[in-house]
Protein backbone atom coordinates (compact mmCIF):
# COMPACT_ATOMS: atom_id res chain seq x y z
CA MET A 1 23.74 -28.88 79.03
CA THR A 2 23.03 -31.37 76.27
CA LEU A 3 25.70 -33.44 74.56
CA HIS A 4 27.75 -31.48 72.03
CA VAL A 5 30.28 -33.19 69.73
CA TYR A 6 32.95 -31.79 67.43
CA ASN A 7 31.92 -32.71 63.89
CA SER A 8 34.98 -32.94 61.64
CA LEU A 9 32.73 -32.51 58.62
CA THR A 10 31.48 -29.06 59.69
CA ARG A 11 34.56 -28.21 61.79
CA ARG A 12 32.53 -27.08 64.78
CA LYS A 13 30.87 -28.38 67.91
CA GLU A 14 27.22 -29.24 67.39
CA PRO A 15 24.39 -30.50 69.58
CA PHE A 16 24.11 -34.24 69.10
CA VAL A 17 20.70 -35.19 67.71
CA PRO A 18 20.42 -38.77 66.42
CA LEU A 19 18.59 -39.60 63.23
CA HIS A 20 16.10 -41.79 65.10
CA GLU A 21 14.99 -40.73 68.55
CA GLY A 22 16.52 -42.84 71.30
CA LYS A 23 18.78 -44.81 68.94
CA VAL A 24 22.34 -44.25 67.76
CA GLY A 25 24.27 -46.04 65.03
CA ILE A 26 28.06 -45.69 65.20
CA TYR A 27 30.74 -47.13 62.96
CA VAL A 28 34.46 -47.03 63.79
CA CYS A 29 37.20 -48.19 61.45
CA GLY A 30 38.71 -51.30 63.03
CA PRO A 31 42.21 -52.76 62.84
CA THR A 32 43.97 -54.39 59.92
CA VAL A 33 44.99 -57.61 61.64
CA TYR A 34 48.58 -58.39 60.64
CA GLY A 35 50.30 -57.71 64.00
CA HIS A 36 49.67 -57.16 67.68
CA ALA A 37 47.76 -54.03 68.68
CA HIS A 38 49.85 -51.11 69.96
CA LEU A 39 49.27 -47.99 72.05
CA GLY A 40 47.97 -46.14 69.01
CA HIS A 41 45.14 -48.66 68.80
CA ALA A 42 44.45 -48.13 72.51
CA LYS A 43 44.06 -44.39 71.93
CA SER A 44 41.43 -44.97 69.26
CA TYR A 45 39.43 -47.84 70.67
CA VAL A 46 39.44 -46.76 74.33
CA SER A 47 38.30 -43.30 73.19
CA PHE A 48 35.39 -44.64 71.17
CA ASP A 49 34.56 -47.16 73.88
CA VAL A 50 33.90 -44.20 76.19
CA VAL A 51 31.83 -42.50 73.48
CA VAL A 52 29.65 -45.63 73.24
CA ARG A 53 29.50 -46.04 77.02
CA TYR A 54 28.42 -42.45 77.55
CA LEU A 55 25.74 -42.59 74.86
CA ARG A 56 24.33 -45.68 76.55
CA TYR A 57 24.58 -43.97 79.93
CA LEU A 58 22.45 -41.16 78.50
CA GLY A 59 19.81 -43.73 77.65
CA TYR A 60 20.41 -44.29 73.94
CA GLN A 61 20.13 -47.71 72.36
CA VAL A 62 23.48 -47.92 70.58
CA ARG A 63 24.45 -50.23 67.76
CA TYR A 64 28.23 -50.16 67.59
CA VAL A 65 29.85 -51.58 64.45
CA GLN A 66 33.64 -51.93 64.21
CA ASN A 67 35.08 -53.85 61.30
CA ILE A 68 37.98 -56.25 61.05
CA THR A 69 40.05 -55.67 57.92
CA ASP A 70 41.23 -59.16 56.98
CA VAL A 71 42.08 -58.27 53.39
CA GLY A 72 45.49 -56.65 53.52
CA HIS A 73 44.96 -53.40 51.68
CA LEU A 74 47.86 -51.52 50.16
CA THR A 75 48.86 -47.88 50.67
CA ASP A 76 46.43 -44.99 49.98
CA ASP A 77 44.63 -46.00 46.76
CA ALA A 78 46.04 -49.54 46.58
CA ASP A 79 48.41 -48.72 43.73
CA ALA A 80 51.71 -48.98 45.56
CA GLY A 81 53.42 -51.00 48.22
CA GLU A 82 52.69 -54.59 49.20
CA ASP A 83 49.69 -56.29 50.73
CA LYS A 84 50.39 -56.13 54.50
CA ILE A 85 48.70 -59.39 55.44
CA LEU A 86 50.28 -61.39 52.62
CA LYS A 87 53.72 -59.97 53.38
CA LYS A 88 53.44 -60.79 57.10
CA ALA A 89 52.05 -64.27 56.31
CA ARG A 90 55.10 -65.05 54.19
CA LEU A 91 57.44 -63.80 56.92
CA GLU A 92 55.76 -65.98 59.55
CA ARG A 93 55.22 -68.89 57.12
CA LEU A 94 51.49 -68.98 57.76
CA GLU A 95 48.40 -69.10 55.62
CA PRO A 96 46.96 -65.53 55.37
CA MET A 97 43.72 -66.49 57.13
CA GLU A 98 45.71 -68.29 59.83
CA LEU A 99 47.64 -65.07 60.42
CA VAL A 100 44.40 -63.08 60.47
CA GLU A 101 42.89 -65.39 63.07
CA ILE A 102 45.94 -65.16 65.34
CA TYR A 103 46.02 -61.38 65.37
CA THR A 104 42.24 -60.93 65.52
CA ARG A 105 42.22 -62.99 68.72
CA SER A 106 45.21 -61.03 70.00
CA TYR A 107 43.43 -57.74 69.32
CA PHE A 108 40.31 -58.73 71.26
CA GLU A 109 42.41 -60.11 74.13
CA ASP A 110 44.09 -56.71 74.50
CA MET A 111 40.82 -54.81 74.24
CA ASP A 112 39.18 -57.08 76.82
CA ALA A 113 42.10 -56.51 79.18
CA MET A 114 41.52 -52.73 78.98
CA ASN A 115 37.81 -53.20 79.66
CA VAL A 116 36.87 -52.12 76.14
CA LEU A 117 33.37 -53.38 75.43
CA ARG A 118 32.98 -55.65 72.41
CA PRO A 119 31.19 -54.01 69.43
CA ASN A 120 27.66 -55.19 68.71
CA ILE A 121 28.90 -56.30 65.28
CA SER A 122 32.48 -56.95 64.16
CA PRO A 123 32.11 -57.61 60.43
CA ARG A 124 35.02 -58.99 58.44
CA ALA A 125 35.86 -57.58 55.05
CA THR A 126 36.22 -61.03 53.45
CA CYS A 127 32.62 -61.86 54.36
CA HIS A 128 31.25 -58.89 52.40
CA ILE A 129 32.88 -59.25 48.98
CA PRO A 130 29.53 -59.69 47.11
CA GLU A 131 28.21 -56.41 48.57
CA MET A 132 31.44 -54.64 47.58
CA ILE A 133 31.14 -55.91 44.02
CA GLU A 134 27.54 -54.69 43.93
CA LEU A 135 28.56 -51.20 45.09
CA VAL A 136 31.25 -51.06 42.39
CA ARG A 137 28.66 -52.11 39.81
CA THR A 138 26.33 -49.32 40.98
CA LEU A 139 29.07 -46.69 40.70
CA LEU A 140 29.91 -47.88 37.18
CA GLU A 141 26.25 -47.69 36.13
CA LYS A 142 25.94 -44.14 37.48
CA GLY A 143 29.05 -42.95 35.69
CA HIS A 144 31.16 -42.41 38.81
CA ALA A 145 33.63 -45.19 38.02
CA TYR A 146 35.46 -46.76 35.09
CA GLU A 147 37.14 -50.09 34.43
CA VAL A 148 40.64 -50.53 33.01
CA ASN A 149 42.28 -53.94 32.50
CA GLY A 150 40.31 -55.60 35.28
CA SER A 151 40.65 -52.77 37.80
CA VAL A 152 37.88 -50.29 38.61
CA TYR A 153 38.56 -46.70 39.71
CA PHE A 154 36.36 -44.01 41.19
CA SER A 155 36.39 -40.78 39.17
CA VAL A 156 36.76 -37.93 41.66
CA GLU A 157 35.87 -35.36 39.01
CA THR A 158 32.31 -36.76 38.93
CA PHE A 159 31.82 -35.92 42.62
CA PRO A 160 32.15 -32.13 43.08
CA GLU A 161 32.14 -32.41 46.89
CA TYR A 162 35.26 -34.56 46.98
CA GLY A 163 37.52 -33.02 49.62
CA LYS A 164 34.76 -31.63 51.85
CA LEU A 165 35.87 -33.61 54.91
CA SER A 166 39.55 -32.68 54.72
CA GLY A 167 38.80 -29.19 53.41
CA ARG A 168 41.17 -29.46 50.45
CA ARG A 169 40.75 -29.08 46.74
CA ILE A 170 41.48 -32.01 44.45
CA GLU A 171 44.77 -30.44 43.33
CA GLU A 172 45.91 -30.09 46.93
CA LEU A 173 44.85 -33.63 47.74
CA VAL A 174 46.93 -35.05 44.90
CA GLU A 175 49.99 -33.20 46.16
CA ALA A 176 49.29 -34.18 49.79
CA VAL A 177 49.48 -37.92 49.15
CA ARG A 178 52.22 -37.73 46.49
CA ILE A 179 50.40 -40.17 44.23
CA GLU A 180 52.70 -41.64 41.60
CA ALA A 181 51.53 -41.48 37.99
CA ASN A 182 49.34 -44.42 37.03
CA PRO A 183 48.59 -44.65 33.30
CA GLU A 184 45.34 -46.51 34.06
CA LYS A 185 43.85 -43.50 35.84
CA ARG A 186 42.04 -40.62 34.21
CA HIS A 187 42.97 -38.32 37.10
CA PRO A 188 45.82 -38.77 39.60
CA ALA A 189 43.40 -38.52 42.57
CA ASP A 190 41.13 -41.31 41.32
CA PHE A 191 41.18 -44.26 43.70
CA ALA A 192 40.76 -47.99 43.33
CA LEU A 193 37.41 -49.61 44.02
CA TRP A 194 38.50 -53.01 42.74
CA LYS A 195 41.98 -54.21 41.80
CA ARG A 196 42.86 -57.00 39.41
CA ALA A 197 44.79 -59.80 41.05
CA GLU A 198 48.21 -60.40 39.58
CA PRO A 199 49.48 -63.99 39.31
CA GLY A 200 50.37 -65.33 42.74
CA HIS A 201 48.06 -63.00 44.64
CA ILE A 202 46.47 -65.38 47.14
CA LEU A 203 43.48 -63.37 48.45
CA ARG A 204 41.33 -62.86 45.35
CA TRP A 205 37.73 -63.29 44.25
CA PRO A 206 35.89 -63.61 40.92
CA SER A 207 34.11 -60.48 39.73
CA PRO A 208 32.50 -59.13 36.54
CA TRP A 209 35.93 -57.59 35.76
CA GLY A 210 37.97 -60.73 36.41
CA TRP A 211 39.75 -62.10 39.44
CA GLY A 212 40.61 -59.39 41.92
CA TYR A 213 40.21 -57.96 45.40
CA PRO A 214 38.58 -54.85 46.88
CA GLY A 215 40.19 -51.48 47.33
CA TRP A 216 40.72 -50.30 50.88
CA HIS A 217 38.04 -47.63 51.07
CA ILE A 218 35.10 -49.61 49.74
CA GLU A 219 35.23 -52.09 52.61
CA CYS A 220 34.07 -49.58 55.23
CA SER A 221 31.39 -48.06 53.00
CA VAL A 222 29.80 -51.47 52.55
CA MET A 223 30.07 -52.73 56.12
CA SER A 224 28.87 -49.51 57.75
CA THR A 225 25.78 -49.03 55.60
CA LYS A 226 24.86 -52.73 55.58
CA TYR A 227 24.37 -52.72 59.35
CA LEU A 228 23.51 -49.07 60.05
CA GLY A 229 21.78 -47.88 56.88
CA GLN A 230 22.52 -44.63 55.08
CA PRO A 231 22.78 -42.09 56.46
CA PHE A 232 23.83 -43.20 59.93
CA ASP A 233 24.70 -41.14 62.99
CA ILE A 234 28.42 -41.31 63.81
CA HIS A 235 31.48 -42.39 61.86
CA GLY A 236 34.64 -42.55 63.97
CA GLY A 237 38.27 -43.27 63.35
CA GLY A 238 41.82 -42.01 63.60
CA LEU A 239 42.73 -38.56 62.36
CA GLU A 240 45.34 -40.12 60.08
CA ASN A 241 42.50 -41.78 58.13
CA GLN A 242 40.60 -38.56 57.46
CA PHE A 243 42.34 -38.43 54.09
CA PRO A 244 42.30 -40.38 51.94
CA HIS A 245 40.29 -43.15 53.56
CA HIS A 246 37.30 -41.30 55.01
CA GLU A 247 37.21 -38.80 52.16
CA CYS A 248 36.93 -41.66 49.69
CA GLU A 249 34.28 -43.40 51.78
CA ILE A 250 32.11 -40.30 51.59
CA ALA A 251 32.58 -39.90 47.85
CA GLN A 252 31.75 -43.46 46.82
CA SER A 253 28.88 -43.88 49.32
CA GLU A 254 27.13 -40.61 48.51
CA ALA A 255 27.72 -40.94 44.78
CA ALA A 256 26.10 -44.38 44.84
CA ALA A 257 23.14 -43.65 47.13
CA GLY A 258 22.52 -39.96 46.46
CA VAL A 259 22.08 -39.21 50.18
CA PRO A 260 24.52 -38.22 52.95
CA PHE A 261 26.78 -40.97 54.28
CA ALA A 262 27.39 -40.19 57.98
CA ARG A 263 25.98 -37.23 59.90
CA TYR A 264 28.74 -36.74 62.48
CA TRP A 265 32.43 -37.46 61.96
CA LEU A 266 34.56 -37.95 65.09
CA HIS A 267 38.33 -38.27 64.76
CA ASN A 268 40.71 -39.23 67.53
CA ASN A 269 44.22 -37.83 67.47
CA MET A 270 47.31 -40.01 67.58
CA VAL A 271 49.83 -41.30 70.10
CA THR A 272 53.24 -39.73 69.61
CA VAL A 273 56.75 -40.58 70.74
CA ASN A 274 58.80 -37.42 71.18
CA GLY A 275 56.28 -35.64 68.99
CA VAL A 276 56.39 -38.22 66.17
CA LYS A 277 53.35 -40.38 65.36
CA MET A 278 53.59 -43.89 66.78
CA GLY A 279 53.11 -46.50 64.11
CA LYS A 280 54.26 -49.87 62.85
CA SER A 281 55.65 -48.40 59.65
CA LEU A 282 57.98 -46.14 61.66
CA GLY A 283 59.11 -48.88 64.02
CA ASN A 284 58.55 -46.68 67.09
CA PHE A 285 55.50 -48.48 68.42
CA VAL A 286 54.94 -50.23 71.74
CA THR A 287 52.56 -53.17 71.59
CA LEU A 288 49.90 -53.42 74.24
CA LYS A 289 51.23 -56.79 75.30
CA GLU A 290 54.62 -55.16 75.94
CA ALA A 291 52.97 -52.31 77.85
CA PHE A 292 50.96 -54.76 79.97
CA GLN A 293 54.20 -56.38 81.17
CA ARG A 294 55.02 -53.16 83.02
CA TYR A 295 51.66 -51.49 83.61
CA SER A 296 48.17 -52.74 84.35
CA PRO A 297 45.81 -52.67 81.34
CA LEU A 298 43.50 -50.28 83.22
CA ALA A 299 46.45 -47.94 83.80
CA VAL A 300 46.92 -47.82 80.02
CA ARG A 301 43.21 -47.02 79.73
CA PHE A 302 43.59 -44.28 82.36
CA PHE A 303 46.59 -42.93 80.40
CA VAL A 304 44.47 -42.66 77.24
CA LEU A 305 41.58 -40.94 79.03
CA SER A 306 43.92 -38.42 80.66
CA SER A 307 44.02 -36.61 77.31
CA HIS A 308 41.06 -35.51 75.18
CA TYR A 309 40.36 -37.87 72.31
CA ARG A 310 41.03 -35.06 69.80
CA SER A 311 44.38 -34.19 71.39
CA PRO A 312 47.67 -35.97 70.73
CA LEU A 313 48.92 -38.22 73.50
CA ASP A 314 52.69 -38.32 73.97
CA PHE A 315 54.02 -41.64 75.21
CA SER A 316 56.62 -41.72 77.97
CA GLU A 317 57.45 -44.02 80.86
CA PRO A 318 56.84 -41.25 83.46
CA ALA A 319 53.40 -40.55 81.97
CA LEU A 320 52.34 -44.19 82.27
CA GLU A 321 53.79 -44.40 85.77
CA ALA A 322 51.72 -41.34 86.71
CA ALA A 323 48.65 -43.02 85.21
CA GLU A 324 49.30 -46.12 87.31
CA ARG A 325 49.50 -44.00 90.47
CA GLY A 326 46.39 -42.02 89.58
CA LEU A 327 44.41 -45.17 88.90
CA GLU A 328 45.54 -46.68 92.20
CA ARG A 329 44.41 -43.57 94.08
CA LEU A 330 40.99 -43.93 92.52
CA HIS A 331 40.81 -47.65 93.25
CA ILE A 332 41.88 -47.19 96.86
CA ALA A 333 39.15 -44.61 97.41
CA VAL A 334 36.53 -46.92 95.92
CA ARG A 335 37.74 -49.79 98.09
CA LEU A 336 37.57 -47.60 101.18
CA VAL A 337 33.95 -46.79 100.44
CA ARG A 338 33.11 -50.43 99.85
CA ASP A 339 34.97 -51.50 102.97
CA ALA A 340 33.00 -48.99 105.02
CA LEU A 341 29.74 -50.01 103.35
CA THR A 342 30.43 -53.68 104.09
CA ARG A 343 30.94 -52.85 107.76
CA ALA A 344 27.90 -50.54 107.91
CA GLY A 345 25.46 -53.13 106.59
CA GLN A 346 22.23 -52.49 104.70
CA PRO A 347 20.91 -48.89 104.60
CA THR A 348 17.94 -48.29 106.89
CA ASP A 349 17.33 -44.62 106.15
CA ASP A 350 17.96 -41.90 103.56
CA PRO A 351 21.46 -40.55 102.88
CA ASP A 352 22.59 -37.37 104.60
CA PRO A 353 21.22 -34.36 102.63
CA LYS A 354 24.66 -32.70 102.81
CA VAL A 355 26.27 -35.77 101.26
CA VAL A 356 23.60 -35.91 98.55
CA ARG A 357 24.16 -32.24 97.70
CA VAL A 358 27.92 -32.66 97.38
CA LEU A 359 27.53 -35.80 95.26
CA GLU A 360 25.13 -33.99 92.95
CA GLU A 361 27.66 -31.17 92.51
CA HIS A 362 30.46 -33.55 91.57
CA LYS A 363 28.19 -35.51 89.25
CA ALA A 364 27.09 -32.28 87.54
CA ARG A 365 30.72 -31.32 86.91
CA PHE A 366 31.46 -34.78 85.53
CA LEU A 367 28.47 -34.72 83.18
CA GLU A 368 29.25 -31.17 82.08
CA ALA A 369 32.70 -32.34 81.04
CA MET A 370 31.37 -35.36 79.17
CA ASP A 371 28.65 -33.32 77.47
CA ASP A 372 31.39 -31.07 76.08
CA ASP A 373 32.60 -33.44 73.37
CA PHE A 374 33.44 -36.28 75.76
CA GLY A 375 35.92 -34.30 77.87
CA THR A 376 37.50 -37.17 79.78
CA PRO A 377 40.39 -35.15 81.35
CA GLN A 378 37.90 -32.82 83.04
CA ALA A 379 35.68 -35.77 83.94
CA LEU A 380 38.65 -37.43 85.65
CA ALA A 381 39.34 -34.19 87.51
CA ALA A 382 35.75 -34.22 88.78
CA LEU A 383 36.22 -37.82 89.94
CA PHE A 384 39.31 -36.88 91.92
CA GLU A 385 37.48 -33.97 93.51
CA LEU A 386 34.88 -36.52 94.59
CA THR A 387 37.68 -38.74 95.87
CA ARG A 388 39.16 -35.97 98.02
CA GLU A 389 35.73 -35.26 99.48
CA THR A 390 35.16 -38.97 100.11
CA ASN A 391 38.49 -39.36 101.88
CA THR A 392 37.67 -36.41 104.11
CA TRP A 393 34.34 -37.96 105.09
CA ILE A 394 35.74 -41.42 105.76
CA ASN A 395 38.76 -40.18 107.73
CA SER A 396 36.87 -37.56 109.74
CA GLY A 397 36.24 -39.91 112.63
CA ARG A 398 32.47 -39.45 112.21
CA PRO A 399 31.16 -42.57 110.43
CA LEU A 400 28.89 -42.03 107.46
CA SER A 401 25.53 -43.76 107.47
CA ALA A 402 25.06 -46.87 105.34
CA ALA A 403 22.70 -44.90 103.09
CA SER A 404 25.29 -42.18 102.50
CA LEU A 405 27.99 -44.75 101.78
CA ALA A 406 25.65 -46.53 99.37
CA ALA A 407 25.04 -43.25 97.52
CA ILE A 408 28.78 -42.63 97.17
CA HIS A 409 29.29 -46.23 96.08
CA GLN A 410 26.60 -45.92 93.43
CA LEU A 411 28.08 -42.71 92.03
CA TYR A 412 31.52 -44.29 91.67
CA ASN A 413 29.93 -47.25 89.89
CA GLU A 414 28.15 -44.93 87.47
CA LEU A 415 30.92 -42.48 86.66
CA ALA A 416 34.18 -44.39 87.13
CA GLY A 417 32.68 -47.76 86.21
CA ASP A 418 29.86 -47.49 83.68
CA VAL A 419 31.07 -44.37 81.83
CA LEU A 420 34.87 -44.41 82.03
CA GLY A 421 35.31 -48.16 82.45
CA LEU A 422 38.02 -47.77 85.08
CA LEU A 423 36.66 -50.17 87.69
CA PRO A 424 37.55 -53.84 87.23
CA ALA A 425 34.85 -56.46 87.53
CA LYS A 426 36.46 -57.86 90.69
CA PHE A 427 35.36 -54.70 92.51
CA GLU A 428 31.82 -56.02 92.34
CA ASP A 429 32.81 -58.87 94.66
CA ALA A 430 32.34 -57.61 98.21
CA ALA A 431 34.39 -60.50 99.56
CA GLY A 432 37.91 -59.33 100.27
CA ALA A 433 36.88 -55.69 100.13
CA ASP A 434 39.04 -54.98 103.19
CA LEU A 435 42.20 -56.10 101.38
CA THR A 436 43.51 -52.61 100.64
CA GLY A 437 43.07 -51.44 104.19
CA GLN A 438 44.70 -54.61 105.49
CA LEU A 439 47.71 -54.17 103.20
CA VAL A 440 48.17 -50.53 104.23
CA GLN A 441 47.91 -51.54 107.88
CA LEU A 442 50.53 -54.23 107.30
CA LEU A 443 52.90 -51.65 105.82
CA ILE A 444 52.26 -49.36 108.80
CA GLU A 445 53.24 -52.21 111.14
CA LEU A 446 56.38 -52.95 109.11
CA ARG A 447 57.29 -49.27 109.25
CA GLN A 448 56.81 -49.27 113.00
CA GLU A 449 59.04 -52.32 113.36
CA ALA A 450 61.71 -50.59 111.26
CA ARG A 451 61.54 -47.50 113.47
CA GLN A 452 61.85 -49.61 116.61
CA ALA A 453 64.92 -51.25 115.07
CA LYS A 454 66.24 -47.74 114.31
CA ASP A 455 66.19 -48.57 110.59
CA TYR A 456 64.91 -45.10 109.78
CA ALA A 457 65.88 -45.31 106.12
CA ARG A 458 63.50 -48.25 105.58
CA ALA A 459 60.76 -46.58 107.63
CA ASP A 460 61.07 -43.42 105.53
CA HIS A 461 61.09 -45.47 102.34
CA ILE A 462 57.77 -47.14 103.26
CA ARG A 463 56.22 -43.79 104.07
CA GLN A 464 57.51 -42.24 100.82
CA ARG A 465 56.21 -45.09 98.64
CA LEU A 466 52.78 -44.86 100.25
CA ASN A 467 52.84 -41.11 99.73
CA GLU A 468 53.55 -41.64 96.03
CA MET A 469 50.40 -43.79 95.89
CA GLY A 470 48.39 -40.98 97.47
CA ILE A 471 48.31 -42.53 100.97
CA ILE A 472 49.26 -40.14 103.77
CA LEU A 473 50.48 -41.48 107.13
CA GLU A 474 49.79 -39.32 110.20
CA ASP A 475 51.67 -40.18 113.42
CA GLY A 476 49.96 -39.25 116.69
CA PRO A 477 49.72 -40.16 120.36
CA GLU A 478 47.28 -42.94 119.55
CA GLY A 479 49.46 -44.41 116.82
CA THR A 480 49.60 -44.01 113.05
CA ARG A 481 46.50 -43.31 110.99
CA TRP A 482 46.30 -43.19 107.22
CA ARG A 483 44.19 -41.30 104.75
CA MET A 484 44.06 -40.66 101.00
CA ARG A 485 45.51 -37.42 99.73
């Protein structure tokens, strides 16, 4: 099976065929940096990290562009509300760019902690103002925009395909966003390309239409095509941005260039809390830094990958606790293999054909899941099938050859590490690889001491906690052995 992706533009799964053989250009809308990243950001950027990782695993040369919005755009078409960055800067008594720098660093710290690879390019909106002005000028010259009192608006009526991504007519779109009447606009659905800066507006730039600042949508059109060309392969982002943001990107980019904007549109669904979208505006968000105080960053990553990127992900403490346990089961299995490989030494022959066959079957199931629109839940299931098989081999009492262990080790590195990003870098250090086994053995000894002291409640508690982690204790005449479930 070849890779198929769900294209939001065509509303169907399609074979993925890049514009240029062997190369993929992907742009994902990045964060507006006026606060710490939350679990909703994890859903988006972990999901697209796996998309990028899998494309590279398939052999593509990927250029991944993810912007940083450091100009605090307003709501929908920039006609209402208050600039988010300026508002937060006043609250924290900081210069706007000082605030931007603090939260940009915070964002990358959180992404690094979750093993999210850095984009190839992370362009900032404020560094691309001249290109935005030039795009506005082009749209004016082609009759797709008009200027009123220092602001420039895109005329949706000049672009008949407006609404093709969201599948709505212009009339429906106006109603959907509840746009308030703006006497400057020719049509209620028209959106701002450039806004005049009122007195006291700090972030502003000179333009042919006076001092002002860019509209929200034009930033991504400029930064994506500057580094990927037009058209480019994949545009990604959150489902909540499909309209109006992505719809407006398409309109202004295609109206200006006369060619398609992006060939495949991938949208991740949202994180919910009791079925309601998690977001800063609703006050129901959990920052990643708060989550990391209770759960490991890789457990949060595991939590995200346990649902398909196009499915909603409902936040709950039990769900994250289950993710922590699932991740630990996987890590323990990998450590067991590496422990055994360390003891076995360097391979001197070929792996057992039976082992190779089983590994190929599990790998095929994993790749089949990933080829079906990056199906991470099914890919994780394939990994745990591999883990059960691995535990059976290692605990069978018949040692695997070094070559067989090396083959298992390599497959875990490929699938759990390279593709899903669930193996921490410290796993690459063979020193201390026996730590997990030593800790389990220590707990077995403590349990035995508790039993000898007739403290059966404590002994049962140790056994139960290990069982919750997927570690099964088996008492026998020769003592207690342990294995992974």
